[in-house]
C-alpha atoms as a PDB file:
ATOM      1  CA  MET A   1      64.906  41.150  88.977  1.00  0.00           C
ATOM      2  CA  ASN A   2      68.664  40.784  89.196  1.00  0.00           C
ATOM      3  CA  GLU A   3      69.119  43.245  92.006  1.00  0.00           C
ATOM      4  CA  GLN A   4      72.246  42.878  94.080  1.00  0.00           C
ATOM      5  CA  ASN A   5      72.954  44.254  97.495  1.00  0.00           C
ATOM      6  CA  PRO A   6      75.558  47.016  96.910  1.00  0.00           C
ATOM      7  CA  SER A   7      77.372  46.216 100.152  1.00  0.00           C
ATOM      8  CA  ALA A   8      77.734  42.554  99.142  1.00  0.00           C
ATOM      9  CA  VAL A   9      79.367  43.297  95.795  1.00  0.00           C
ATOM     10  CA  SER A  10      83.114  43.803  96.022  1.00  0.00           C
ATOM     11  CA  LYS A  11      84.771  46.203  93.597  1.00  0.00           C
ATOM     12  CA  TYR A  12      87.646  44.946  91.474  1.00  0.00           C
ATOM     13  CA  ALA A  13      90.913  46.818  91.190  1.00  0.00           C
ATOM     14  CA  PRO A  14      93.916  45.318  89.405  1.00  0.00           C
ATOM     15  CA  CYS A  15      97.005  44.051  91.185  1.00  0.00           C
ATOM     16  CA  MET A  16      99.653  46.692  90.509  1.00  0.00           C
ATOM     17  CA  CYS A  17     102.606  44.281  90.432  1.00  0.00           C
ATOM     18  CA  THR A  18     100.948  42.213  87.697  1.00  0.00           C
ATOM     19  CA  THR A  19     100.219  45.392  85.742  1.00  0.00           C
ATOM     20  CA  ILE A  20     103.869  46.437  85.981  1.00  0.00           C
ATOM     21  CA  LEU A  21     105.071  42.977  84.916  1.00  0.00           C
ATOM     22  CA  GLY A  22     102.725  43.125  81.928  1.00  0.00           C
ATOM     23  CA  ALA A  23     104.101  46.525  80.942  1.00  0.00           C
ATOM     24  CA  LEU A  24     107.653  45.146  81.184  1.00  0.00           C
ATOM     25  CA  VAL A  25     106.716  42.289  78.870  1.00  0.00           C
ATOM     26  CA  ILE A  26     105.566  44.799  76.264  1.00  0.00           C
ATOM     27  CA  VAL A  27     108.714  46.916  76.666  1.00  0.00           C
ATOM     28  CA  PHE A  28     111.123  43.982  76.347  1.00  0.00           C
ATOM     29  CA  ALA A  29     109.144  42.442  73.482  1.00  0.00           C
ATOM     30  CA  TRP A  30     109.769  45.586  71.399  1.00  0.00           C
ATOM     31  CA  TRP A  31     113.189  46.577  72.768  1.00  0.00           C
ATOM     32  CA  THR A  32     115.952  44.562  71.111  1.00  0.00           C
ATOM     33  CA  VAL A  33     118.711  43.727  73.586  1.00  0.00           C
ATOM     34  CA  ARG A  34     120.850  40.597  73.973  1.00  0.00           C
ATOM     35  CA  TRP A  35     119.441  39.764  77.391  1.00  0.00           C
ATOM     36  CA  GLY A  36     115.822  40.568  76.491  1.00  0.00           C
ATOM     37  CA  ALA A  37     114.864  36.900  76.108  1.00  0.00           C
ATOM     38  CA  MET A  38     116.184  36.143  79.603  1.00  0.00           C
ATOM     39  CA  ILE A  39     114.185  39.040  81.088  1.00  0.00           C
ATOM     40  CA  LEU A  40     111.017  37.879  79.308  1.00  0.00           C
ATOM     41  CA  THR A  41     111.569  34.354  80.639  1.00  0.00           C
ATOM     42  CA  VAL A  42     111.969  35.601  84.215  1.00  0.00           C
ATOM     43  CA  ILE A  43     108.872  37.810  83.942  1.00  0.00           C
ATOM     44  CA  GLY A  44     106.925  34.865  82.501  1.00  0.00           C
ATOM     45  CA  ILE A  45     107.972  32.650  85.410  1.00  0.00           C
ATOM     46  CA  LEU A  46     106.915  35.352  87.890  1.00  0.00           C
ATOM     47  CA  LEU A  47     103.520  35.701  86.201  1.00  0.00           C
ATOM     48  CA  ILE A  48     103.010  31.921  86.244  1.00  0.00           C
ATOM     49  CA  LEU A  49     103.912  31.710  89.929  1.00  0.00           C
ATOM     50  CA  ARG A  50     101.593  34.614  90.713  1.00  0.00           C
ATOM     51  CA  GLY A  51      98.785  32.870  88.846  1.00  0.00           C
ATOM     52  CA  LEU A  52      99.368  29.559  90.608  1.00  0.00           C
ATOM     53  CA  ALA A  53      99.444  31.201  94.022  1.00  0.00           C
ATOM     54  CA  ASN A  54      96.321  33.264  93.193  1.00  0.00           C
ATOM     55  CA  GLN A  55      97.660  36.002  95.459  1.00  0.00           C
ATOM     56  CA  CYS A  56      98.774  39.531  94.783  1.00  0.00           C
ATOM     57  CA  CYS A  57     102.560  39.740  95.015  1.00  0.00           C
ATOM     58  CA  CYS A  58     102.714  43.401  96.049  1.00  0.00           C
ATOM     59  CA  ALA A  59     101.839  45.130  99.311  1.00  0.00           C
ATOM     60  CA  SER A  60      98.183  44.908 100.297  1.00  0.00           C
ATOM     61  CA  SER A  61      97.912  48.709 100.342  1.00  0.00           C
ATOM     62  CA  SER A  62      98.778  48.934  96.625  1.00  0.00           C
ATOM     63  CA  CYS A  63      96.852  45.845  95.613  1.00  0.00           C
ATOM     64  CA  GLY A  64      93.211  46.098  94.661  1.00  0.00           C
ATOM     65  CA  THR A  65      92.231  42.517  95.440  1.00  0.00           C
ATOM     66  CA  LYS A  66      90.651  43.045  98.837  1.00  0.00           C
ATOM     67  CA  ALA A  67      88.216  40.822 100.686  1.00  0.00           C
ATOM     68  CA  PRO A  68      84.535  41.735 100.370  1.00  0.00           C
ATOM     69  CA  VAL A  69      83.101  43.904 103.100  1.00  0.00           C
ATOM     70  CA  LYS A  70      81.170  41.941 105.711  1.00  0.00           C
ATOM     71  CA  GLN A  71      77.660  43.052 106.572  1.00  0.00           C
ATOM     72  CA  SER A  72      76.797  43.943 110.108  1.00  0.00           C
ATOM     73  CA  ALA A  73      73.951  42.269 112.027  1.00  0.00           C
ATOM     74  CA  THR A  74      71.672  45.303 111.562  1.00  0.00           C
ATOM     75  CA  ASP A  75      72.196  45.189 107.773  1.00  0.00           C
ATOM     76  CA  ASN A  76      71.310  41.492 107.710  1.00  0.00           C
ATOM     77  CA  ALA A  77      68.138  42.117 109.726  1.00  0.00           C
ATOM     78  CA  SER A  78      66.896  44.680 107.207  1.00  0.00           C
ATOM     79  CA  VAL A  79      67.404  42.309 104.248  1.00  0.00           C
END
């Protein structure tokens, strides 16, 4: 019933820069340093800006958010 065309479904892979920023949040949340609050604030601002822009902030080759693959005319004719 709920069959989907496999070529129309895009696979999700996480944005690596967001993953790294998330890991840094965890590290600086547990690591007690004087400037830790400033680092967490900067990382938070970067994550907010990344969310508002809705774009991956790293290189497209290392980012998993790629556009879905377009079907060719012969694939559309068979559907």
